[in-house]
């Protein structure tokens, strides 16, 4: 991954008035990924929307990291179930189409 596809953690924290330790704690919980290139810490651009969602949960709803972790796990499970439902619907449509 090239550094153009990543955001420097220091810059992200400065623009969001956030302590760097908060980002490190999120990493410890497994909520985000930190990439280190030439001793500079980055967040992948692909994780930016997830990180901003976590910040909203924490700041606007005052949810602690344990709660955010639980919510994150539940959202992943819901997404997996939605994908499974879509796959099952597609298979059902295929078999219904064969019988006509």
PDB file of N, CA and C in Angstrom:
ATOM      1  N   UNK A   1       0.849  -1.175   0.000  1.00  0.00           N
ATOM      2  CA  UNK A   1       0.000   0.000   0.000  1.00  0.00           C
ATOM      3  C   UNK A   1       0.889   1.231   0.000  1.00  0.00           C
ATOM      4  N   UNK A   2       0.556   2.176  -0.847  1.00  0.00           N
ATOM      5  CA  UNK A   2       1.342   3.394  -0.947  1.00  0.00           C
ATOM      6  C   UNK A   2       0.839   4.429   0.054  1.00  0.00           C
ATOM      7  N   UNK A   3       1.736   5.314   0.446  1.00  0.00           N
ATOM      8  CA  UNK A   3       1.363   6.311   1.454  1.00  0.00           C
ATOM      9  C   UNK A   3       0.311   7.289   0.937  1.00  0.00           C
ATOM     10  N   UNK A   4       0.109   7.371  -0.396  1.00  0.00           N
ATOM     11  CA  UNK A   4      -0.945   8.234  -0.933  1.00  0.00           C
ATOM     12  C   UNK A   4      -2.318   7.685  -0.575  1.00  0.00           C
ATOM     13  N   UNK A   5      -2.380   6.385  -0.285  1.00  0.00           N
ATOM     14  CA  UNK A   5      -3.638   5.735   0.066  1.00  0.00           C
ATOM     15  C   UNK A   5      -3.867   5.714   1.572  1.00  0.00           C
ATOM     16  N   UNK A   6      -3.097   6.520   2.300  1.00  0.00           N
ATOM     17  CA  UNK A   6      -3.186   6.505   3.761  1.00  0.00           C
ATOM     18  C   UNK A   6      -3.178   7.929   4.311  1.00  0.00           C
ATOM     19  N   UNK A   7      -3.625   8.044   5.547  1.00  0.00           N
ATOM     20  CA  UNK A   7      -3.672   9.332   6.237  1.00  0.00           C
ATOM     21  C   UNK A   7      -2.710   9.268   7.415  1.00  0.00           C
ATOM     22  N   UNK A   8      -1.901  10.292   7.570  1.00  0.00           N
ATOM     23  CA  UNK A   8      -0.970  10.360   8.693  1.00  0.00           C
ATOM     24  C   UNK A   8      -1.786  10.556   9.972  1.00  0.00           C
ATOM     25  N   UNK A   9      -1.528   9.711  10.946  1.00  0.00           N
ATOM     26  CA  UNK A   9      -2.302   9.746  12.190  1.00  0.00           C
ATOM     27  C   UNK A   9      -2.173  11.096  12.892  1.00  0.00           C
ATOM     28  N   UNK A  10      -0.975  11.656  12.921  1.00  0.00           N
ATOM     29  CA  UNK A  10      -0.780  12.958  13.581  1.00  0.00           C
ATOM     30  C   UNK A  10      -1.685  14.025  12.959  1.00  0.00           C
ATOM     31  N   UNK A  11      -1.775  14.028  11.632  1.00  0.00           N
ATOM     32  CA  UNK A  11      -2.594  15.023  10.935  1.00  0.00           C
ATOM     33  C   UNK A  11      -4.080  14.781  11.197  1.00  0.00           C
ATOM     34  N   UNK A  12      -4.488  13.516  11.176  1.00  0.00           N
ATOM     35  CA  UNK A  12      -5.884  13.185  11.454  1.00  0.00           C
ATOM     36  C   UNK A  12      -6.264  13.640  12.859  1.00  0.00           C
ATOM     37  N   UNK A  13      -5.416  13.335  13.821  1.00  0.00           N
ATOM     38  CA  UNK A  13      -5.693  13.705  15.211  1.00  0.00           C
ATOM     39  C   UNK A  13      -5.733  15.219  15.389  1.00  0.00           C
ATOM     40  N   UNK A  14      -4.833  15.918  14.732  1.00  0.00           N
ATOM     41  CA  UNK A  14      -4.823  17.381  14.843  1.00  0.00           C
ATOM     42  C   UNK A  14      -6.096  17.976  14.247  1.00  0.00           C
ATOM     43  N   UNK A  15      -6.536  17.460  13.104  1.00  0.00           N
ATOM     44  CA  UNK A  15      -7.724  18.022  12.467  1.00  0.00           C
ATOM     45  C   UNK A  15      -9.018  17.666  13.204  1.00  0.00           C
ATOM     46  N   UNK A  16      -9.004  16.569  13.969  1.00  0.00           N
ATOM     47  CA  UNK A  16     -10.194  16.156  14.709  1.00  0.00           C
ATOM     48  C   UNK A  16     -10.079  16.443  16.212  1.00  0.00           C
ATOM     49  N   UNK A  17      -9.035  17.185  16.600  1.00  0.00           N
ATOM     50  CA  UNK A  17      -8.789  17.516  18.005  1.00  0.00           C
ATOM     51  C   UNK A  17      -8.883  16.260  18.865  1.00  0.00           C
ATOM     52  N   UNK A  18      -8.005  15.320  18.558  1.00  0.00           N
ATOM     53  CA  UNK A  18      -8.055  13.990  19.139  1.00  0.00           C
ATOM     54  C   UNK A  18      -6.669  13.613  19.631  1.00  0.00           C
ATOM     55  N   UNK A  19      -6.611  12.929  20.755  1.00  0.00           N
ATOM     56  CA  UNK A  19      -5.342  12.435  21.277  1.00  0.00           C
ATOM     57  C   UNK A  19      -4.905  11.214  20.478  1.00  0.00           C
ATOM     58  N   UNK A  20      -3.630  11.117  20.186  1.00  0.00           N
ATOM     59  CA  UNK A  20      -3.087   9.978  19.452  1.00  0.00           C
ATOM     60  C   UNK A  20      -3.297   8.687  20.249  1.00  0.00           C
ATOM     61  N   UNK A  21      -3.291   8.796  21.550  1.00  0.00           N
ATOM     62  CA  UNK A  21      -3.497   7.608  22.387  1.00  0.00           C
ATOM     63  C   UNK A  21      -4.864   6.969  22.123  1.00  0.00           C
ATOM     64  N   UNK A  22      -5.865   7.770  21.743  1.00  0.00           N
ATOM     65  CA  UNK A  22      -7.180   7.236  21.426  1.00  0.00           C
ATOM     66  C   UNK A  22      -7.096   6.304  20.211  1.00  0.00           C
ATOM     67  N   UNK A  23      -6.341   6.710  19.212  1.00  0.00           N
ATOM     68  CA  UNK A  23      -6.151   5.887  18.009  1.00  0.00           C
ATOM     69  C   UNK A  23      -5.444   4.590  18.383  1.00  0.00           C
ATOM     70  N   UNK A  24      -4.441   4.681  19.229  1.00  0.00           N
ATOM     71  CA  UNK A  24      -3.703   3.485  19.653  1.00  0.00           C
ATOM     72  C   UNK A  24      -4.607   2.532  20.446  1.00  0.00           C
ATOM     73  N   UNK A  25      -5.495   3.093  21.249  1.00  0.00           N
ATOM     74  CA  UNK A  25      -6.436   2.266  22.001  1.00  0.00           C
ATOM     75  C   UNK A  25      -7.398   1.559  21.050  1.00  0.00           C
ATOM     76  N   UNK A  26      -7.848   2.270  20.020  1.00  0.00           N
ATOM     77  CA  UNK A  26      -8.713   1.645  19.022  1.00  0.00           C
ATOM     78  C   UNK A  26      -8.004   0.473  18.343  1.00  0.00           C
ATOM     79  N   UNK A  27      -6.719   0.647  18.102  1.00  0.00           N
ATOM     80  CA  UNK A  27      -5.940  -0.437  17.498  1.00  0.00           C
ATOM     81  C   UNK A  27      -5.857  -1.629  18.447  1.00  0.00           C
ATOM     82  N   UNK A  28      -5.650  -1.355  19.737  1.00  0.00           N
ATOM     83  CA  UNK A  28      -5.582  -2.430  20.736  1.00  0.00           C
ATOM     84  C   UNK A  28      -6.882  -3.226  20.790  1.00  0.00           C
ATOM     85  N   UNK A  29      -8.015  -2.550  20.595  1.00  0.00           N
ATOM     86  CA  UNK A  29      -9.312  -3.223  20.576  1.00  0.00           C
ATOM     87  C   UNK A  29      -9.557  -3.945  19.246  1.00  0.00           C
ATOM     88  N   UNK A  30      -8.681  -3.702  18.281  1.00  0.00           N
ATOM     89  CA  UNK A  30      -8.850  -4.324  16.966  1.00  0.00           C
ATOM     90  C   UNK A  30      -9.876  -3.609  16.107  1.00  0.00           C
ATOM     91  N   UNK A  31     -10.174  -2.362  16.446  1.00  0.00           N
ATOM     92  CA  UNK A  31     -11.186  -1.611  15.719  1.00  0.00           C
ATOM     93  C   UNK A  31     -10.643  -0.924  14.477  1.00  0.00           C
ATOM     94  N   UNK A  32      -9.360  -0.604  14.475  1.00  0.00           N
ATOM     95  CA  UNK A  32      -8.732  -0.004  13.296  1.00  0.00           C
ATOM     96  C   UNK A  32      -7.352  -0.612  13.095  1.00  0.00           C
ATOM     97  N   UNK A  33      -6.802  -0.339  11.939  1.00  0.00           N
ATOM     98  CA  UNK A  33      -5.467  -0.815  11.583  1.00  0.00           C
ATOM     99  C   UNK A  33      -4.545   0.394  11.487  1.00  0.00           C
ATOM    100  N   UNK A  34      -3.345   0.244  12.013  1.00  0.00           N
ATOM    101  CA  UNK A  34      -2.317   1.269  11.888  1.00  0.00           C
ATOM    102  C   UNK A  34      -1.179   0.678  11.068  1.00  0.00           C
ATOM    103  N   UNK A  35      -0.736   1.441  10.084  1.00  0.00           N
ATOM    104  CA  UNK A  35       0.378   1.006   9.242  1.00  0.00           C
ATOM    105  C   UNK A  35       1.539   1.958   9.490  1.00  0.00           C
ATOM    106  N   UNK A  36       2.720   1.402   9.685  1.00  0.00           N
ATOM    107  CA  UNK A  36       3.909   2.212   9.934  1.00  0.00           C
ATOM    108  C   UNK A  36       4.828   2.110   8.725  1.00  0.00           C
ATOM    109  N   UNK A  37       5.156   3.281   8.144  1.00  0.00           N
ATOM    110  CA  UNK A  37       6.079   3.364   7.023  1.00  0.00           C
ATOM    111  C   UNK A  37       7.107   4.427   7.363  1.00  0.00           C
ATOM    112  N   UNK A  38       8.365   4.038   7.372  1.00  0.00           N
ATOM    113  CA  UNK A  38       9.459   4.982   7.699  1.00  0.00           C
ATOM    114  C   UNK A  38       9.187   5.714   9.016  1.00  0.00           C
ATOM    115  N   UNK A  39       8.768   4.983  10.007  1.00  0.00           N
ATOM    116  CA  UNK A  39       8.505   5.464  11.362  1.00  0.00           C
ATOM    117  C   UNK A  39       7.374   6.491  11.446  1.00  0.00           C
ATOM    118  N   UNK A  40       6.542   6.533  10.409  1.00  0.00           N
ATOM    119  CA  UNK A  40       5.365   7.405  10.418  1.00  0.00           C
ATOM    120  C   UNK A  40       4.141   6.502  10.470  1.00  0.00           C
ATOM    121  N   UNK A  41       3.215   6.820  11.364  1.00  0.00           N
ATOM    122  CA  UNK A  41       2.013   6.000  11.534  1.00  0.00           C
ATOM    123  C   UNK A  41       0.893   6.521  10.640  1.00  0.00           C
ATOM    124  N   UNK A  42       0.256   5.567   9.951  1.00  0.00           N
ATOM    125  CA  UNK A  42      -0.811   5.900   9.008  1.00  0.00           C
ATOM    126  C   UNK A  42      -2.068   5.091   9.306  1.00  0.00           C
ATOM    127  N   UNK A  43      -3.180   5.639   8.829  1.00  0.00           N
ATOM    128  CA  UNK A  43      -4.459   4.927   8.807  1.00  0.00           C
ATOM    129  C   UNK A  43      -4.815   4.774   7.326  1.00  0.00           C
ATOM    130  N   UNK A  44      -5.176   3.574   6.889  1.00  0.00           N
ATOM    131  CA  UNK A  44      -5.583   3.417   5.480  1.00  0.00           C
ATOM    132  C   UNK A  44      -6.829   4.242   5.175  1.00  0.00           C
ATOM    133  N   UNK A  45      -6.880   4.818   3.977  1.00  0.00           N
ATOM    134  CA  UNK A  45      -8.064   5.586   3.565  1.00  0.00           C
ATOM    135  C   UNK A  45      -9.328   4.742   3.644  1.00  0.00           C
ATOM    136  N   UNK A  46      -9.185   3.453   3.406  1.00  0.00           N
ATOM    137  CA  UNK A  46     -10.348   2.565   3.428  1.00  0.00           C
ATOM    138  C   UNK A  46     -10.969   2.460   4.826  1.00  0.00           C
ATOM    139  N   UNK A  47     -10.210   2.791   5.857  1.00  0.00           N
ATOM    140  CA  UNK A  47     -10.705   2.716   7.237  1.00  0.00           C
ATOM    141  C   UNK A  47     -11.226   4.055   7.744  1.00  0.00           C
ATOM    142  N   UNK A  48     -11.157   5.079   6.916  1.00  0.00           N
ATOM    143  CA  UNK A  48     -11.520   6.424   7.362  1.00  0.00           C
ATOM    144  C   UNK A  48     -12.991   6.528   7.759  1.00  0.00           C
ATOM    145  N   UNK A  49     -13.896   5.990   6.955  1.00  0.00           N
ATOM    146  CA  UNK A  49     -15.324   6.103   7.304  1.00  0.00           C
ATOM    147  C   UNK A  49     -15.621   5.350   8.597  1.00  0.00           C
ATOM    148  N   UNK A  50     -14.980   4.202   8.781  1.00  0.00           N
ATOM    149  CA  UNK A  50     -15.160   3.430  10.016  1.00  0.00           C
ATOM    150  C   UNK A  50     -14.649   4.218  11.221  1.00  0.00           C
ATOM    151  N   UNK A  51     -13.493   4.850  11.073  1.00  0.00           N
ATOM    152  CA  UNK A  51     -12.920   5.640  12.161  1.00  0.00           C
ATOM    153  C   UNK A  51     -13.813   6.826  12.497  1.00  0.00           C
ATOM    154  N   UNK A  52     -14.348   7.482  11.498  1.00  0.00           N
ATOM    155  CA  UNK A  52     -15.241   8.616  11.759  1.00  0.00           C
ATOM    156  C   UNK A  52     -16.537   8.155  12.415  1.00  0.00           C
ATOM    157  N   UNK A  53     -17.017   6.964  12.050  1.00  0.00           N
ATOM    158  CA  UNK A  53     -18.197   6.398  12.707  1.00  0.00           C
ATOM    159  C   UNK A  53     -17.906   6.145  14.181  1.00  0.00           C
ATOM    160  N   UNK A  54     -16.737   5.599  14.470  1.00  0.00           N
ATOM    161  CA  UNK A  54     -16.336   5.346  15.854  1.00  0.00           C
ATOM    162  C   UNK A  54     -16.266   6.658  16.634  1.00  0.00           C
ATOM    163  N   UNK A  55     -15.711   7.683  16.026  1.00  0.00           N
ATOM    164  CA  UNK A  55     -15.618   8.984  16.698  1.00  0.00           C
ATOM    165  C   UNK A  55     -17.004   9.549  16.999  1.00  0.00           C
ATOM    166  N   UNK A  56     -17.940   9.408  16.054  1.00  0.00           N
ATOM    167  CA  UNK A  56     -19.305   9.896  16.294  1.00  0.00           C
ATOM    168  C   UNK A  56     -19.959   9.142  17.449  1.00  0.00           C
ATOM    169  N   UNK A  57     -19.790   7.823  17.473  1.00  0.00           N
ATOM    170  CA  UNK A  57     -20.354   7.037  18.571  1.00  0.00           C
ATOM    171  C   UNK A  57     -19.782   7.493  19.909  1.00  0.00           C
ATOM    172  N   UNK A  58     -18.487   7.758  19.919  1.00  0.00           N
ATOM    173  CA  UNK A  58     -17.817   8.149  21.157  1.00  0.00           C
ATOM    174  C   UNK A  58     -18.176   9.561  21.581  1.00  0.00           C
ATOM    175  N   UNK A  59     -18.139  10.485  20.650  1.00  0.00           N
ATOM    176  CA  UNK A  59     -18.336  11.891  21.002  1.00  0.00           C
ATOM    177  C   UNK A  59     -19.811  12.276  21.122  1.00  0.00           C
ATOM    178  N   UNK A  60     -20.606  11.916  20.121  1.00  0.00           N
ATOM    179  CA  UNK A  60     -21.992  12.378  20.092  1.00  0.00           C
ATOM    180  C   UNK A  60     -22.900  11.557  21.003  1.00  0.00           C
ATOM    181  N   UNK A  61     -22.631  10.248  21.096  1.00  0.00           N
ATOM    182  CA  UNK A  61     -23.481   9.392  21.914  1.00  0.00           C
ATOM    183  C   UNK A  61     -22.827   9.007  23.233  1.00  0.00           C
ATOM    184  N   UNK A  62     -21.591   9.457  23.422  1.00  0.00           N
ATOM    185  CA  UNK A  62     -20.846   9.205  24.657  1.00  0.00           C
ATOM    186  C   UNK A  62     -20.747   7.704  24.976  1.00  0.00           C
ATOM    187  N   UNK A  63     -20.465   6.917  23.936  1.00  0.00           N
ATOM    188  CA  UNK A  63     -20.314   5.473  24.110  1.00  0.00           C
ATOM    189  C   UNK A  63     -18.839   5.170  24.333  1.00  0.00           C
ATOM    190  N   UNK A  64     -18.541   4.382  25.364  1.00  0.00           N
ATOM    191  CA  UNK A  64     -17.146   4.062  25.672  1.00  0.00           C
ATOM    192  C   UNK A  64     -16.614   3.009  24.691  1.00  0.00           C
ATOM    193  N   UNK A  65     -15.329   2.730  24.771  1.00  0.00           N
ATOM    194  CA  UNK A  65     -14.694   1.830  23.808  1.00  0.00           C
ATOM    195  C   UNK A  65     -15.233   0.411  23.882  1.00  0.00           C
ATOM    196  N   UNK A  66     -15.589  -0.049  25.070  1.00  0.00           N
ATOM    197  CA  UNK A  66     -16.165  -1.384  25.192  1.00  0.00           C
ATOM    198  C   UNK A  66     -17.500  -1.446  24.442  1.00  0.00           C
ATOM    199  N   UNK A  67     -18.297  -0.411  24.578  1.00  0.00           N
ATOM    200  CA  UNK A  67     -19.566  -0.335  23.867  1.00  0.00           C
ATOM    201  C   UNK A  67     -19.376  -0.252  22.368  1.00  0.00           C
ATOM    202  N   UNK A  68     -18.391   0.543  21.951  1.00  0.00           N
ATOM    203  CA  UNK A  68     -18.092   0.670  20.523  1.00  0.00           C
ATOM    204  C   UNK A  68     -17.642  -0.671  19.959  1.00  0.00           C
ATOM    205  N   UNK A  69     -16.843  -1.396  20.732  1.00  0.00           N
ATOM    206  CA  UNK A  69     -16.394  -2.721  20.301  1.00  0.00           C
ATOM    207  C   UNK A  69     -17.588  -3.659  20.132  1.00  0.00           C
ATOM    208  N   UNK A  70     -18.501  -3.644  21.086  1.00  0.00           N
ATOM    209  CA  UNK A  70     -19.699  -4.492  21.004  1.00  0.00           C
ATOM    210  C   UNK A  70     -20.563  -4.098  19.809  1.00  0.00           C
ATOM    211  N   UNK A  71     -20.771  -2.810  19.617  1.00  0.00           N
ATOM    212  CA  UNK A  71     -21.559  -2.326  18.475  1.00  0.00           C
ATOM    213  C   UNK A  71     -20.894  -2.730  17.170  1.00  0.00           C
ATOM    214  N   UNK A  72     -19.583  -2.582  17.108  1.00  0.00           N
ATOM    215  CA  UNK A  72     -18.837  -2.948  15.908  1.00  0.00           C
ATOM    216  C   UNK A  72     -19.010  -4.425  15.576  1.00  0.00           C
ATOM    217  N   UNK A  73     -18.916  -5.273  16.587  1.00  0.00           N
ATOM    218  CA  UNK A  73     -19.089  -6.709  16.367  1.00  0.00           C
ATOM    219  C   UNK A  73     -20.503  -7.029  15.897  1.00  0.00           C
ATOM    220  N   UNK A  74     -21.492  -6.375  16.491  1.00  0.00           N
ATOM    221  CA  UNK A  74     -22.879  -6.595  16.067  1.00  0.00           C
ATOM    222  C   UNK A  74     -23.111  -6.121  14.640  1.00  0.00           C
ATOM    223  N   UNK A  75     -22.533  -4.984  14.277  1.00  0.00           N
ATOM    224  CA  UNK A  75     -22.678  -4.487  12.910  1.00  0.00           C
ATOM    225  C   UNK A  75     -22.030  -5.427  11.899  1.00  0.00           C
ATOM    226  N   UNK A  76     -20.893  -6.003  12.258  1.00  0.00           N
ATOM    227  CA  UNK A  76     -20.248  -6.982  11.376  1.00  0.00           C
ATOM    228  C   UNK A  76     -21.137  -8.205  11.196  1.00  0.00           C
ATOM    229  N   UNK A  77     -21.739  -8.674  12.288  1.00  0.00           N
ATOM    230  CA  UNK A  77     -22.628  -9.839  12.213  1.00  0.00           C
ATOM    231  C   UNK A  77     -23.844  -9.536  11.347  1.00  0.00           C
ATOM    232  N   UNK A  78     -24.413  -8.350  11.492  1.00  0.00           N
ATOM    233  CA  UNK A  78     -25.558  -7.960  10.676  1.00  0.00           C
ATOM    234  C   UNK A  78     -25.171  -7.922   9.203  1.00  0.00           C
ATOM    235  N   UNK A  79     -24.019  -7.331   8.908  1.00  0.00           N
ATOM    236  CA  UNK A  79     -23.547  -7.267   7.518  1.00  0.00           C
ATOM    237  C   UNK A  79     -23.349  -8.669   6.941  1.00  0.00           C
ATOM    238  N   UNK A  80     -22.764  -9.565   7.725  1.00  0.00           N
ATOM    239  CA  UNK A  80     -22.562 -10.940   7.265  1.00  0.00           C
ATOM    240  C   UNK A  80     -23.900 -11.626   7.003  1.00  0.00           C
ATOM    241  N   UNK A  81     -24.860 -11.409   7.895  1.00  0.00           N
ATOM    242  CA  UNK A  81     -26.174 -12.019   7.704  1.00  0.00           C
ATOM    243  C   UNK A  81     -26.885 -11.436   6.483  1.00  0.00           C
ATOM    244  N   UNK A  82     -26.730 -10.132   6.258  1.00  0.00           N
ATOM    245  CA  UNK A  82     -27.335  -9.525   5.073  1.00  0.00           C
ATOM    246  C   UNK A  82     -26.723 -10.106   3.799  1.00  0.00           C
ATOM    247  N   UNK A  83     -25.407 -10.317   3.809  1.00  0.00           N
ATOM    248  CA  UNK A  83     -24.748 -10.921   2.649  1.00  0.00           C
ATOM    249  C   UNK A  83     -25.235 -12.348   2.437  1.00  0.00           C
ATOM    250  N   UNK A  84     -25.414 -13.083   3.521  1.00  0.00           N
ATOM    251  CA  UNK A  84     -25.899 -14.453   3.425  1.00  0.00           C
ATOM    252  C   UNK A  84     -27.338 -14.487   2.898  1.00  0.00           C
ATOM    253  N   UNK A  85     -28.174 -13.581   3.363  1.00  0.00           N
ATOM    254  CA  UNK A  85     -29.556 -13.497   2.875  1.00  0.00           C
ATOM    255  C   UNK A  85     -29.572 -13.198   1.379  1.00  0.00           C
ATOM    256  N   UNK A  86     -28.739 -12.275   0.946  1.00  0.00           N
ATOM    257  CA  UNK A  86     -28.663 -11.944  -0.478  1.00  0.00           C
ATOM    258  C   UNK A  86     -28.239 -13.158  -1.294  1.00  0.00           C
ATOM    259  N   UNK A  87     -27.224 -13.880  -0.813  1.00  0.00           N
ATOM    260  CA  UNK A  87     -26.759 -15.070  -1.523  1.00  0.00           C
ATOM    261  C   UNK A  87     -27.862 -16.129  -1.579  1.00  0.00           C
ATOM    262  N   UNK A  88     -28.577 -16.311  -0.476  1.00  0.00           N
ATOM    263  CA  UNK A  88     -29.664 -17.293  -0.449  1.00  0.00           C
ATOM    264  C   UNK A  88     -30.812 -16.890  -1.372  1.00  0.00           C
ATOM    265  N   UNK A  89     -31.130 -15.614  -1.416  1.00  0.00           N
ATOM    266  CA  UNK A  89     -32.175 -15.131  -2.325  1.00  0.00           C
ATOM    267  C   UNK A  89     -31.773 -15.372  -3.775  1.00  0.00           C
ATOM    268  N   UNK A  90     -30.499 -15.122  -4.081  1.00  0.00           N
ATOM    269  CA  UNK A  90     -30.016 -15.350  -5.438  1.00  0.00           C
ATOM    270  C   UNK A  90     -30.115 -16.821  -5.804  1.00  0.00           C
ATOM    271  N   UNK A  91     -29.739 -17.706  -4.886  1.00  0.00           N
ATOM    272  CA  UNK A  91     -29.839 -19.142  -5.146  1.00  0.00           C
ATOM    273  C   UNK A  91     -31.295 -19.550  -5.318  1.00  0.00           C
ATOM    274  N   UNK A  92     -32.171 -19.025  -4.476  1.00  0.00           N
ATOM    275  CA  UNK A  92     -33.586 -19.347  -4.573  1.00  0.00           C
ATOM    276  C   UNK A  92     -34.149 -18.893  -5.920  1.00  0.00           C
ATOM    277  N   UNK A  93     -33.791 -17.686  -6.335  1.00  0.00           N
ATOM    278  CA  UNK A  93     -34.252 -17.176  -7.627  1.00  0.00           C
ATOM    279  C   UNK A  93     -33.765 -18.060  -8.761  1.00  0.00           C
ATOM    280  N   UNK A  94     -32.548 -18.542  -8.659  1.00  0.00           N
ATOM    281  CA  UNK A  94     -31.982 -19.423  -9.682  1.00  0.00           C
ATOM    282  C   UNK A  94     -32.794 -20.704  -9.775  1.00  0.00           C
ATOM    283  N   UNK A  95     -33.087 -21.313  -8.625  1.00  0.00           N
ATOM    284  CA  UNK A  95     -33.828 -22.580  -8.625  1.00  0.00           C
ATOM    285  C   UNK A  95     -35.288 -22.390  -9.015  1.00  0.00           C
ATOM    286  N   UNK A  96     -35.861 -21.277  -8.625  1.00  0.00           N
ATOM    287  CA  UNK A  96     -37.236 -20.984  -9.039  1.00  0.00           C
ATOM    288  C   UNK A  96     -37.309 -20.771 -10.549  1.00  0.00           C
ATOM    289  N   UNK A  97     -36.286 -20.173 -11.107  1.00  0.00           N
ATOM    290  CA  UNK A  97     -36.217 -19.939 -12.557  1.00  0.00           C
ATOM    291  C   UNK A  97     -36.071 -21.237 -13.330  1.00  0.00           C
ATOM    292  N   UNK A  98     -35.383 -22.217 -12.765  1.00  0.00           N
ATOM    293  CA  UNK A  98     -35.202 -23.518 -13.424  1.00  0.00           C
ATOM    294  C   UNK A  98     -36.504 -24.296 -13.494  1.00  0.00           C
ATOM    295  N   UNK A  99     -37.350 -24.123 -12.519  1.00  0.00           N
ATOM    296  CA  UNK A  99     -38.589 -24.891 -12.436  1.00  0.00           C
ATOM    297  C   UNK A  99     -39.707 -24.313 -13.302  1.00  0.00           C
ATOM    298  N   UNK A 100     -39.500 -23.190 -13.908  1.00  0.00           N
ATOM    299  CA  UNK A 100     -40.562 -22.570 -14.719  1.00  0.00           C
ATOM    300  C   UNK A 100     -40.449 -22.985 -16.152  1.00  0.00           C
TER     301      UNK A 100
END
